[in-house]
Amino acid sequence: MRTETLHIRISPEEQERLKRIAGPRRLSVWCRRVLLDELAGGISIAQELLALRQELSAMGNNLNQIAKRLNAGEQVEIASKLPELDDLKARINRVLGRVR
């Protein structure tokens, strides 16, 4: 049973913006779910974003190594990495879709 009340002050513009974002849901219900991380995905989103950041960092390191080899005049095979990049892009888009 909910017995506690949380009061915040917002401007009329902020209230209209929140109502637009909340859509058909009651604003109090939507705010509660957002504040409790139920809409944004909570900790699962944070963990997935961390994993994606680590993958991006590793790919950035690989890209730097490829650039170094190309600048040294070596031939480098990169076509095999394109599906991996496509997969990472799709995962990032899925996470962003859950956050929006």
PDB file of N, CA and C in Angstrom:
ATOM      1  N   MET A   1       0.838  -1.169   0.000  1.00  0.00           N
ATOM      2  CA  MET A   1       0.000   0.000   0.000  1.00  0.00           C
ATOM      3  C   MET A   1       0.888   1.240   0.000  1.00  0.00           C
ATOM      4  N   ARG A   2       0.550   2.174  -0.836  1.00  0.00           N
ATOM      5  CA  ARG A   2       1.316   3.412  -0.923  1.00  0.00           C
ATOM      6  C   ARG A   2       0.766   4.403   0.105  1.00  0.00           C
ATOM      7  N   THR A   3       1.625   4.787   1.046  1.00  0.00           N
ATOM      8  CA  THR A   3       1.189   5.714   2.088  1.00  0.00           C
ATOM      9  C   THR A   3       1.991   7.002   2.101  1.00  0.00           C
ATOM     10  N   GLU A   4       3.098   7.033   1.352  1.00  0.00           N
ATOM     11  CA  GLU A   4       3.973   8.203   1.364  1.00  0.00           C
ATOM     12  C   GLU A   4       3.718   9.064   0.131  1.00  0.00           C
ATOM     13  N   THR A   5       4.015  10.354   0.275  1.00  0.00           N
ATOM     14  CA  THR A   5       3.821  11.302  -0.818  1.00  0.00           C
ATOM     15  C   THR A   5       5.144  11.973  -1.132  1.00  0.00           C
ATOM     16  N   LEU A   6       5.399  12.165  -2.410  1.00  0.00           N
ATOM     17  CA  LEU A   6       6.588  12.874  -2.869  1.00  0.00           C
ATOM     18  C   LEU A   6       6.113  14.121  -3.604  1.00  0.00           C
ATOM     19  N   HIS A   7       6.589  15.283  -3.183  1.00  0.00           N
ATOM     20  CA  HIS A   7       6.188  16.536  -3.825  1.00  0.00           C
ATOM     21  C   HIS A   7       7.402  17.141  -4.523  1.00  0.00           C
ATOM     22  N   ILE A   8       7.219  17.542  -5.760  1.00  0.00           N
ATOM     23  CA  ILE A   8       8.257  18.277  -6.481  1.00  0.00           C
ATOM     24  C   ILE A   8       7.604  19.474  -7.160  1.00  0.00           C
ATOM     25  N   ARG A   9       8.374  20.494  -7.376  1.00  0.00           N
ATOM     26  CA  ARG A   9       7.857  21.678  -8.072  1.00  0.00           C
ATOM     27  C   ARG A   9       8.446  21.697  -9.477  1.00  0.00           C
ATOM     28  N   ILE A  10       7.572  21.931 -10.441  1.00  0.00           N
ATOM     29  CA  ILE A  10       8.001  22.024 -11.829  1.00  0.00           C
ATOM     30  C   ILE A  10       7.286  23.205 -12.465  1.00  0.00           C
ATOM     31  N   SER A  11       7.854  23.678 -13.555  1.00  0.00           N
ATOM     32  CA  SER A  11       7.217  24.786 -14.273  1.00  0.00           C
ATOM     33  C   SER A  11       6.058  24.242 -15.106  1.00  0.00           C
ATOM     34  N   PRO A  12       5.152  25.114 -15.533  1.00  0.00           N
ATOM     35  CA  PRO A  12       4.061  24.661 -16.411  1.00  0.00           C
ATOM     36  C   PRO A  12       4.592  24.019 -17.695  1.00  0.00           C
ATOM     37  N   GLU A  13       5.692  24.549 -18.221  1.00  0.00           N
ATOM     38  CA  GLU A  13       6.279  23.979 -19.439  1.00  0.00           C
ATOM     39  C   GLU A  13       6.805  22.565 -19.171  1.00  0.00           C
ATOM     40  N   GLU A  14       7.450  22.382 -18.016  1.00  0.00           N
ATOM     41  CA  GLU A  14       7.956  21.054 -17.670  1.00  0.00           C
ATOM     42  C   GLU A  14       6.804  20.068 -17.493  1.00  0.00           C
ATOM     43  N   GLN A  15       5.725  20.521 -16.884  1.00  0.00           N
ATOM     44  CA  GLN A  15       4.572  19.650 -16.694  1.00  0.00           C
ATOM     45  C   GLN A  15       3.986  19.224 -18.038  1.00  0.00           C
ATOM     46  N   GLU A  16       3.855  20.148 -18.971  1.00  0.00           N
ATOM     47  CA  GLU A  16       3.339  19.798 -20.296  1.00  0.00           C
ATOM     48  C   GLU A  16       4.264  18.814 -21.005  1.00  0.00           C
ATOM     49  N   ARG A  17       5.546  19.051 -20.872  1.00  0.00           N
ATOM     50  CA  ARG A  17       6.518  18.134 -21.498  1.00  0.00           C
ATOM     51  C   ARG A  17       6.393  16.729 -20.905  1.00  0.00           C
ATOM     52  N   LEU A  18       6.288  16.639 -19.578  1.00  0.00           N
ATOM     53  CA  LEU A  18       6.144  15.334 -18.929  1.00  0.00           C
ATOM     54  C   LEU A  18       4.844  14.650 -19.356  1.00  0.00           C
ATOM     55  N   LYS A  19       3.779  15.416 -19.472  1.00  0.00           N
ATOM     56  CA  LYS A  19       2.501  14.846 -19.903  1.00  0.00           C
ATOM     57  C   LYS A  19       2.602  14.293 -21.324  1.00  0.00           C
ATOM     58  N   ARG A  20       3.301  15.025 -22.204  1.00  0.00           N
ATOM     59  CA  ARG A  20       3.481  14.542 -23.584  1.00  0.00           C
ATOM     60  C   ARG A  20       4.264  13.235 -23.589  1.00  0.00           C
ATOM     61  N   ILE A  21       5.329  13.189 -22.797  1.00  0.00           N
ATOM     62  CA  ILE A  21       6.165  11.990 -22.761  1.00  0.00           C
ATOM     63  C   ILE A  21       5.400  10.814 -22.165  1.00  0.00           C
ATOM     64  N   ALA A  22       4.635  11.078 -21.114  1.00  0.00           N
ATOM     65  CA  ALA A  22       3.887  10.012 -20.433  1.00  0.00           C
ATOM     66  C   ALA A  22       2.777   9.452 -21.305  1.00  0.00           C
ATOM     67  N   GLY A  23       2.315  10.248 -22.253  1.00  0.00           N
ATOM     68  CA  GLY A  23       1.253   9.787 -23.143  1.00  0.00           C
ATOM     69  C   GLY A  23      -0.048   9.563 -22.403  1.00  0.00           C
ATOM     70  N   PRO A  24      -0.706   8.433 -22.681  1.00  0.00           N
ATOM     71  CA  PRO A  24      -2.030   8.207 -22.086  1.00  0.00           C
ATOM     72  C   PRO A  24      -1.986   7.818 -20.605  1.00  0.00           C
ATOM     73  N   ARG A  25      -0.798   7.467 -20.112  1.00  0.00           N
ATOM     74  CA  ARG A  25      -0.700   7.059 -18.702  1.00  0.00           C
ATOM     75  C   ARG A  25      -0.884   8.249 -17.777  1.00  0.00           C
ATOM     76  N   ARG A  26      -1.413   7.986 -16.607  1.00  0.00           N
ATOM     77  CA  ARG A  26      -1.483   9.038 -15.596  1.00  0.00           C
ATOM     78  C   ARG A  26      -0.068   9.462 -15.264  1.00  0.00           C
ATOM     79  N   LEU A  27       0.135  10.753 -15.106  1.00  0.00           N
ATOM     80  CA  LEU A  27       1.473  11.291 -14.866  1.00  0.00           C
ATOM     81  C   LEU A  27       2.097  10.707 -13.603  1.00  0.00           C
ATOM     82  N   SER A  28       1.325  10.510 -12.562  1.00  0.00           N
ATOM     83  CA  SER A  28       1.872   9.961 -11.319  1.00  0.00           C
ATOM     84  C   SER A  28       2.373   8.533 -11.518  1.00  0.00           C
ATOM     85  N   VAL A  29       1.634   7.742 -12.288  1.00  0.00           N
ATOM     86  CA  VAL A  29       2.033   6.357 -12.550  1.00  0.00           C
ATOM     87  C   VAL A  29       3.312   6.338 -13.385  1.00  0.00           C
ATOM     88  N   TRP A  30       3.345   7.159 -14.420  1.00  0.00           N
ATOM     89  CA  TRP A  30       4.523   7.219 -15.288  1.00  0.00           C
ATOM     90  C   TRP A  30       5.755   7.674 -14.507  1.00  0.00           C
ATOM     91  N   CYS A  31       5.611   8.725 -13.695  1.00  0.00           N
ATOM     92  CA  CYS A  31       6.741   9.235 -12.906  1.00  0.00           C
ATOM     93  C   CYS A  31       7.256   8.173 -11.944  1.00  0.00           C
ATOM     94  N   ARG A  32       6.362   7.468 -11.298  1.00  0.00           N
ATOM     95  CA  ARG A  32       6.772   6.422 -10.356  1.00  0.00           C
ATOM     96  C   ARG A  32       7.587   5.356 -11.075  1.00  0.00           C
ATOM     97  N   ARG A  33       7.110   4.943 -12.229  1.00  0.00           N
ATOM     98  CA  ARG A  33       7.827   3.900 -12.976  1.00  0.00           C
ATOM     99  C   ARG A  33       9.187   4.380 -13.452  1.00  0.00           C
ATOM    100  N   VAL A  34       9.281   5.634 -13.888  1.00  0.00           N
ATOM    101  CA  VAL A  34      10.567   6.170 -14.326  1.00  0.00           C
ATOM    102  C   VAL A  34      11.518   6.284 -13.146  1.00  0.00           C
ATOM    103  N   LEU A  35      11.037   6.826 -12.041  1.00  0.00           N
ATOM    104  CA  LEU A  35      11.891   7.004 -10.868  1.00  0.00           C
ATOM    105  C   LEU A  35      12.379   5.677 -10.301  1.00  0.00           C
ATOM    106  N   LEU A  36      11.588   4.643 -10.470  1.00  0.00           N
ATOM    107  CA  LEU A  36      11.982   3.324  -9.978  1.00  0.00           C
ATOM    108  C   LEU A  36      12.667   2.490 -11.058  1.00  0.00           C
ATOM    109  N   ASP A  37      13.053   3.128 -12.149  1.00  0.00           N
ATOM    110  CA  ASP A  37      13.805   2.495 -13.240  1.00  0.00           C
ATOM    111  C   ASP A  37      13.036   1.418 -13.991  1.00  0.00           C
ATOM    112  N   GLU A  38      11.743   1.358 -13.845  1.00  0.00           N
ATOM    113  CA  GLU A  38      11.002   0.303 -14.527  1.00  0.00           C
ATOM    114  C   GLU A  38      10.833   0.581 -16.010  1.00  0.00           C
ATOM    115  N   LEU A  39      10.720   1.849 -16.403  1.00  0.00           N
ATOM    116  CA  LEU A  39      10.547   2.163 -17.818  1.00  0.00           C
ATOM    117  C   LEU A  39      11.877   2.202 -18.554  1.00  0.00           C
ATOM    118  N   ALA A  40      12.899   2.718 -17.916  1.00  0.00           N
ATOM    119  CA  ALA A  40      14.184   2.883 -18.584  1.00  0.00           C
ATOM    120  C   ALA A  40      14.984   1.586 -18.630  1.00  0.00           C
ATOM    121  N   GLY A  41      14.555   0.566 -17.945  1.00  0.00           N
ATOM    122  CA  GLY A  41      15.282  -0.699 -17.975  1.00  0.00           C
ATOM    123  C   GLY A  41      16.183  -0.868 -16.779  1.00  0.00           C
ATOM    124  N   GLY A  42      16.330   0.172 -15.981  1.00  0.00           N
ATOM    125  CA  GLY A  42      17.092   0.081 -14.740  1.00  0.00           C
ATOM    126  C   GLY A  42      18.517  -0.383 -14.933  1.00  0.00           C
ATOM    127  N   ILE A  43      18.943  -1.230 -14.037  1.00  0.00           N
ATOM    128  CA  ILE A  43      20.335  -1.675 -14.005  1.00  0.00           C
ATOM    129  C   ILE A  43      20.705  -2.472 -15.246  1.00  0.00           C
ATOM    130  N   SER A  44      19.730  -3.164 -15.855  1.00  0.00           N
ATOM    131  CA  SER A  44      20.056  -3.952 -17.042  1.00  0.00           C
ATOM    132  C   SER A  44      20.542  -3.061 -18.176  1.00  0.00           C
ATOM    133  N   ILE A  45      19.952  -1.886 -18.325  1.00  0.00           N
ATOM    134  CA  ILE A  45      20.396  -0.941 -19.358  1.00  0.00           C
ATOM    135  C   ILE A  45      21.814  -0.485 -19.049  1.00  0.00           C
ATOM    136  N   ALA A  46      22.080  -0.129 -17.811  1.00  0.00           N
ATOM    137  CA  ALA A  46      23.414   0.340 -17.429  1.00  0.00           C
ATOM    138  C   ALA A  46      24.459  -0.728 -17.694  1.00  0.00           C
ATOM    139  N   GLN A  47      24.147  -1.971 -17.359  1.00  0.00           N
ATOM    140  CA  GLN A  47      25.102  -3.056 -17.581  1.00  0.00           C
ATOM    141  C   GLN A  47      25.342  -3.279 -19.067  1.00  0.00           C
ATOM    142  N   GLU A  48      24.280  -3.231 -19.847  1.00  0.00           N
ATOM    143  CA  GLU A  48      24.433  -3.430 -21.285  1.00  0.00           C
ATOM    144  C   GLU A  48      25.218  -2.288 -21.920  1.00  0.00           C
ATOM    145  N   LEU A  49      24.961  -1.055 -21.477  1.00  0.00           N
ATOM    146  CA  LEU A  49      25.708   0.077 -22.003  1.00  0.00           C
ATOM    147  C   LEU A  49      27.192  -0.032 -21.664  1.00  0.00           C
ATOM    148  N   LEU A  50      27.504  -0.506 -20.471  1.00  0.00           N
ATOM    149  CA  LEU A  50      28.903  -0.702 -20.088  1.00  0.00           C
ATOM    150  C   LEU A  50      29.567  -1.740 -20.985  1.00  0.00           C
ATOM    151  N   ALA A  51      28.867  -2.835 -21.235  1.00  0.00           N
ATOM    152  CA  ALA A  51      29.417  -3.873 -22.108  1.00  0.00           C
ATOM    153  C   ALA A  51      29.627  -3.335 -23.526  1.00  0.00           C
ATOM    154  N   LEU A  52      28.669  -2.553 -24.022  1.00  0.00           N
ATOM    155  CA  LEU A  52      28.808  -1.966 -25.358  1.00  0.00           C
ATOM    156  C   LEU A  52      29.979  -0.996 -25.402  1.00  0.00           C
ATOM    157  N   ARG A  53      30.162  -0.216 -24.344  1.00  0.00           N
ATOM    158  CA  ARG A  53      31.280   0.722 -24.297  1.00  0.00           C
ATOM    159  C   ARG A  53      32.613  -0.026 -24.341  1.00  0.00           C
ATOM    160  N   GLN A  54      32.686  -1.154 -23.636  1.00  0.00           N
ATOM    161  CA  GLN A  54      33.913  -1.946 -23.648  1.00  0.00           C
ATOM    162  C   GLN A  54      34.180  -2.522 -25.039  1.00  0.00           C
ATOM    163  N   GLU A  55      33.117  -2.993 -25.698  1.00  0.00           N
ATOM    164  CA  GLU A  55      33.280  -3.501 -27.060  1.00  0.00           C
ATOM    165  C   GLU A  55      33.722  -2.401 -28.015  1.00  0.00           C
ATOM    166  N   LEU A  56      33.123  -1.219 -27.889  1.00  0.00           N
ATOM    167  CA  LEU A  56      33.508  -0.093 -28.740  1.00  0.00           C
ATOM    168  C   LEU A  56      34.966   0.287 -28.511  1.00  0.00           C
ATOM    169  N   SER A  57      35.391   0.244 -27.265  1.00  0.00           N
ATOM    170  CA  SER A  57      36.780   0.556 -26.951  1.00  0.00           C
ATOM    171  C   SER A  57      37.729  -0.448 -27.613  1.00  0.00           C
ATOM    172  N   ALA A  58      37.380  -1.728 -27.527  1.00  0.00           N
ATOM    173  CA  ALA A  58      38.207  -2.762 -28.158  1.00  0.00           C
ATOM    174  C   ALA A  58      38.246  -2.578 -29.670  1.00  0.00           C
ATOM    175  N   MET A  59      37.089  -2.241 -30.258  1.00  0.00           N
ATOM    176  CA  MET A  59      37.061  -2.013 -31.708  1.00  0.00           C
ATOM    177  C   MET A  59      37.871  -0.783 -32.079  1.00  0.00           C
ATOM    178  N   GLY A  60      37.820   0.242 -31.236  1.00  0.00           N
ATOM    179  CA  GLY A  60      38.635   1.430 -31.480  1.00  0.00           C
ATOM    180  C   GLY A  60      40.119   1.095 -31.465  1.00  0.00           C
ATOM    181  N   ASN A  61      40.522   0.244 -30.521  1.00  0.00           N
ATOM    182  CA  ASN A  61      41.919  -0.186 -30.478  1.00  0.00           C
ATOM    183  C   ASN A  61      42.288  -0.945 -31.749  1.00  0.00           C
ATOM    184  N   ASN A  62      41.396  -1.833 -32.188  1.00  0.00           N
ATOM    185  CA  ASN A  62      41.645  -2.579 -33.423  1.00  0.00           C
ATOM    186  C   ASN A  62      41.752  -1.635 -34.618  1.00  0.00           C
ATOM    187  N   LEU A  63      40.884  -0.645 -34.666  1.00  0.00           N
ATOM    188  CA  LEU A  63      40.913   0.324 -35.765  1.00  0.00           C
ATOM    189  C   LEU A  63      42.230   1.096 -35.775  1.00  0.00           C
ATOM    190  N   ASN A  64      42.701   1.473 -34.601  1.00  0.00           N
ATOM    191  CA  ASN A  64      43.995   2.167 -34.518  1.00  0.00           C
ATOM    192  C   ASN A  64      45.125   1.285 -35.016  1.00  0.00           C
ATOM    193  N   GLN A  65      45.081  -0.005 -34.683  1.00  0.00           N
ATOM    194  CA  GLN A  65      46.120  -0.929 -35.157  1.00  0.00           C
ATOM    195  C   GLN A  65      46.055  -1.092 -36.667  1.00  0.00           C
ATOM    196  N   ILE A  66      44.840  -1.154 -37.200  1.00  0.00           N
ATOM    197  CA  ILE A  66      44.673  -1.256 -38.653  1.00  0.00           C
ATOM    198  C   ILE A  66      45.227  -0.011 -39.334  1.00  0.00           C
ATOM    199  N   ALA A  67      44.890   1.162 -38.792  1.00  0.00           N
ATOM    200  CA  ALA A  67      45.386   2.412 -39.376  1.00  0.00           C
ATOM    201  C   ALA A  67      46.906   2.460 -39.343  1.00  0.00           C
ATOM    202  N   LYS A  68      47.500   2.023 -38.252  1.00  0.00           N
ATOM    203  CA  LYS A  68      48.964   2.021 -38.127  1.00  0.00           C
ATOM    204  C   LYS A  68      49.587   1.119 -39.197  1.00  0.00           C
ATOM    205  N   ARG A  69      48.979  -0.066 -39.399  1.00  0.00           N
ATOM    206  CA  ARG A  69      49.511  -0.987 -40.408  1.00  0.00           C
ATOM    207  C   ARG A  69      49.320  -0.434 -41.822  1.00  0.00           C
ATOM    208  N   LEU A  70      48.161   0.186 -42.077  1.00  0.00           N
ATOM    209  CA  LEU A  70      47.931   0.777 -43.397  1.00  0.00           C
ATOM    210  C   LEU A  70      48.915   1.912 -43.661  1.00  0.00           C
ATOM    211  N   ASN A  71      49.156   2.743 -42.648  1.00  0.00           N
ATOM    212  CA  ASN A  71      50.101   3.844 -42.798  1.00  0.00           C
ATOM    213  C   ASN A  71      51.525   3.353 -43.009  1.00  0.00           C
ATOM    214  N   ALA A  72      51.804   2.138 -42.553  1.00  0.00           N
ATOM    215  CA  ALA A  72      53.132   1.545 -42.757  1.00  0.00           C
ATOM    216  C   ALA A  72      53.219   0.852 -44.115  1.00  0.00           C
ATOM    217  N   GLY A  73      52.125   0.895 -44.893  1.00  0.00           N
ATOM    218  CA  GLY A  73      52.148   0.320 -46.234  1.00  0.00           C
ATOM    219  C   GLY A  73      51.711  -1.127 -46.300  1.00  0.00           C
ATOM    220  N   GLU A  74      51.251  -1.692 -45.213  1.00  0.00           N
ATOM    221  CA  GLU A  74      50.813  -3.086 -45.210  1.00  0.00           C
ATOM    222  C   GLU A  74      49.390  -3.190 -45.746  1.00  0.00           C
ATOM    223  N   GLN A  75      49.058  -4.346 -46.298  1.00  0.00           N
ATOM    224  CA  GLN A  75      47.681  -4.621 -46.689  1.00  0.00           C
ATOM    225  C   GLN A  75      46.960  -5.239 -45.498  1.00  0.00           C
ATOM    226  N   VAL A  76      45.732  -4.807 -45.301  1.00  0.00           N
ATOM    227  CA  VAL A  76      44.962  -5.280 -44.149  1.00  0.00           C
ATOM    228  C   VAL A  76      43.607  -5.768 -44.622  1.00  0.00           C
ATOM    229  N   GLU A  77      43.178  -6.937 -44.135  1.00  0.00           N
ATOM    230  CA  GLU A  77      41.867  -7.510 -44.453  1.00  0.00           C
ATOM    231  C   GLU A  77      40.880  -7.059 -43.386  1.00  0.00           C
ATOM    232  N   ILE A  78      39.886  -6.241 -43.791  1.00  0.00           N
ATOM    233  CA  ILE A  78      38.916  -5.749 -42.813  1.00  0.00           C
ATOM    234  C   ILE A  78      37.482  -6.181 -43.121  1.00  0.00           C
ATOM    235  N   ALA A  79      37.247  -6.791 -44.264  1.00  0.00           N
ATOM    236  CA  ALA A  79      35.883  -7.181 -44.643  1.00  0.00           C
ATOM    237  C   ALA A  79      35.266  -8.133 -43.627  1.00  0.00           C
ATOM    238  N   SER A  80      36.086  -8.958 -42.993  1.00  0.00           N
ATOM    239  CA  SER A  80      35.550  -9.917 -42.025  1.00  0.00           C
ATOM    240  C   SER A  80      35.033  -9.240 -40.760  1.00  0.00           C
ATOM    241  N   LYS A  81      35.413  -7.990 -40.530  1.00  0.00           N
ATOM    242  CA  LYS A  81      34.981  -7.258 -39.335  1.00  0.00           C
ATOM    243  C   LYS A  81      33.650  -6.531 -39.536  1.00  0.00           C
ATOM    244  N   LEU A  82      33.202  -6.381 -40.778  1.00  0.00           N
ATOM    245  CA  LEU A  82      31.979  -5.632 -41.042  1.00  0.00           C
ATOM    246  C   LEU A  82      30.735  -6.236 -40.382  1.00  0.00           C
ATOM    247  N   PRO A  83      30.547  -7.568 -40.396  1.00  0.00           N
ATOM    248  CA  PRO A  83      29.387  -8.128 -39.694  1.00  0.00           C
ATOM    249  C   PRO A  83      29.428  -7.840 -38.181  1.00  0.00           C
ATOM    250  N   GLU A  84      30.601  -7.846 -37.614  1.00  0.00           N
ATOM    251  CA  GLU A  84      30.748  -7.540 -36.191  1.00  0.00           C
ATOM    252  C   GLU A  84      30.320  -6.098 -35.906  1.00  0.00           C
ATOM    253  N   LEU A  85      30.692  -5.193 -36.791  1.00  0.00           N
ATOM    254  CA  LEU A  85      30.280  -3.795 -36.632  1.00  0.00           C
ATOM    255  C   LEU A  85      28.766  -3.644 -36.791  1.00  0.00           C
ATOM    256  N   ASP A  86      28.194  -4.363 -37.759  1.00  0.00           N
ATOM    257  CA  ASP A  86      26.743  -4.321 -37.953  1.00  0.00           C
ATOM    258  C   ASP A  86      26.012  -4.848 -36.720  1.00  0.00           C
ATOM    259  N   ASP A  87      26.533  -5.922 -36.128  1.00  0.00           N
ATOM    260  CA  ASP A  87      25.928  -6.492 -34.926  1.00  0.00           C
ATOM    261  C   ASP A  87      25.982  -5.498 -33.769  1.00  0.00           C
ATOM    262  N   LEU A  88      27.120  -4.849 -33.613  1.00  0.00           N
ATOM    263  CA  LEU A  88      27.264  -3.874 -32.530  1.00  0.00           C
ATOM    264  C   LEU A  88      26.306  -2.695 -32.739  1.00  0.00           C
ATOM    265  N   LYS A  89      26.186  -2.250 -33.977  1.00  0.00           N
ATOM    266  CA  LYS A  89      25.261  -1.152 -34.285  1.00  0.00           C
ATOM    267  C   LYS A  89      23.831  -1.547 -33.942  1.00  0.00           C
ATOM    268  N   ALA A  90      23.439  -2.764 -34.280  1.00  0.00           N
ATOM    269  CA  ALA A  90      22.085  -3.237 -33.980  1.00  0.00           C
ATOM    270  C   ALA A  90      21.859  -3.307 -32.471  1.00  0.00           C
ATOM    271  N   ARG A  91      22.858  -3.781 -31.726  1.00  0.00           N
ATOM    272  CA  ARG A  91      22.717  -3.850 -30.263  1.00  0.00           C
ATOM    273  C   ARG A  91      22.585  -2.462 -29.658  1.00  0.00           C
ATOM    274  N   ILE A  92      23.371  -1.521 -30.142  1.00  0.00           N
ATOM    275  CA  ILE A  92      23.286  -0.146 -29.636  1.00  0.00           C
ATOM    276  C   ILE A  92      21.905   0.427 -29.921  1.00  0.00           C
ATOM    277  N   ASN A  93      21.386   0.199 -31.124  1.00  0.00           N
ATOM    278  CA  ASN A  93      20.056   0.703 -31.481  1.00  0.00           C
ATOM    279  C   ASN A  93      18.970   0.091 -30.602  1.00  0.00           C
ATOM    280  N   ARG A  94      19.097  -1.216 -30.272  1.00  0.00           N
ATOM    281  CA  ARG A  94      18.118  -1.851 -29.379  1.00  0.00           C
ATOM    282  C   ARG A  94      18.136  -1.198 -28.003  1.00  0.00           C
ATOM    283  N   VAL A  95      19.343  -0.961 -27.467  1.00  0.00           N
ATOM    284  CA  VAL A  95      19.448  -0.341 -26.140  1.00  0.00           C
ATOM    285  C   VAL A  95      18.880   1.075 -26.176  1.00  0.00           C
ATOM    286  N   LEU A  96      19.225   1.825 -27.205  1.00  0.00           N
ATOM    287  CA  LEU A  96      18.698   3.183 -27.314  1.00  0.00           C
ATOM    288  C   LEU A  96      17.181   3.184 -27.438  1.00  0.00           C
ATOM    289  N   GLY A  97      16.638   2.209 -28.123  1.00  0.00           N
ATOM    290  CA  GLY A  97      15.183   2.104 -28.240  1.00  0.00           C
ATOM    291  C   GLY A  97      14.514   1.860 -26.900  1.00  0.00           C
ATOM    292  N   ARG A  98      15.182   1.136 -26.009  1.00  0.00           N
ATOM    293  CA  ARG A  98      14.620   0.883 -24.685  1.00  0.00           C
ATOM    294  C   ARG A  98      14.741   2.091 -23.785  1.00  0.00           C
ATOM    295  N   VAL A  99      15.729   2.948 -24.027  1.00  0.00           N
ATOM    296  CA  VAL A  99      15.943   4.122 -23.178  1.00  0.00           C
ATOM    297  C   VAL A  99      14.999   5.243 -23.564  1.00  0.00           C
ATOM    298  N   ARG A 100      14.723   5.402 -24.835  1.00  0.00           N
ATOM    299  CA  ARG A 100      13.912   6.526 -25.332  1.00  0.00           C
ATOM    300  C   ARG A 100      12.508   6.499 -24.825  1.00  0.00           C
TER     301      ARG A 100
END
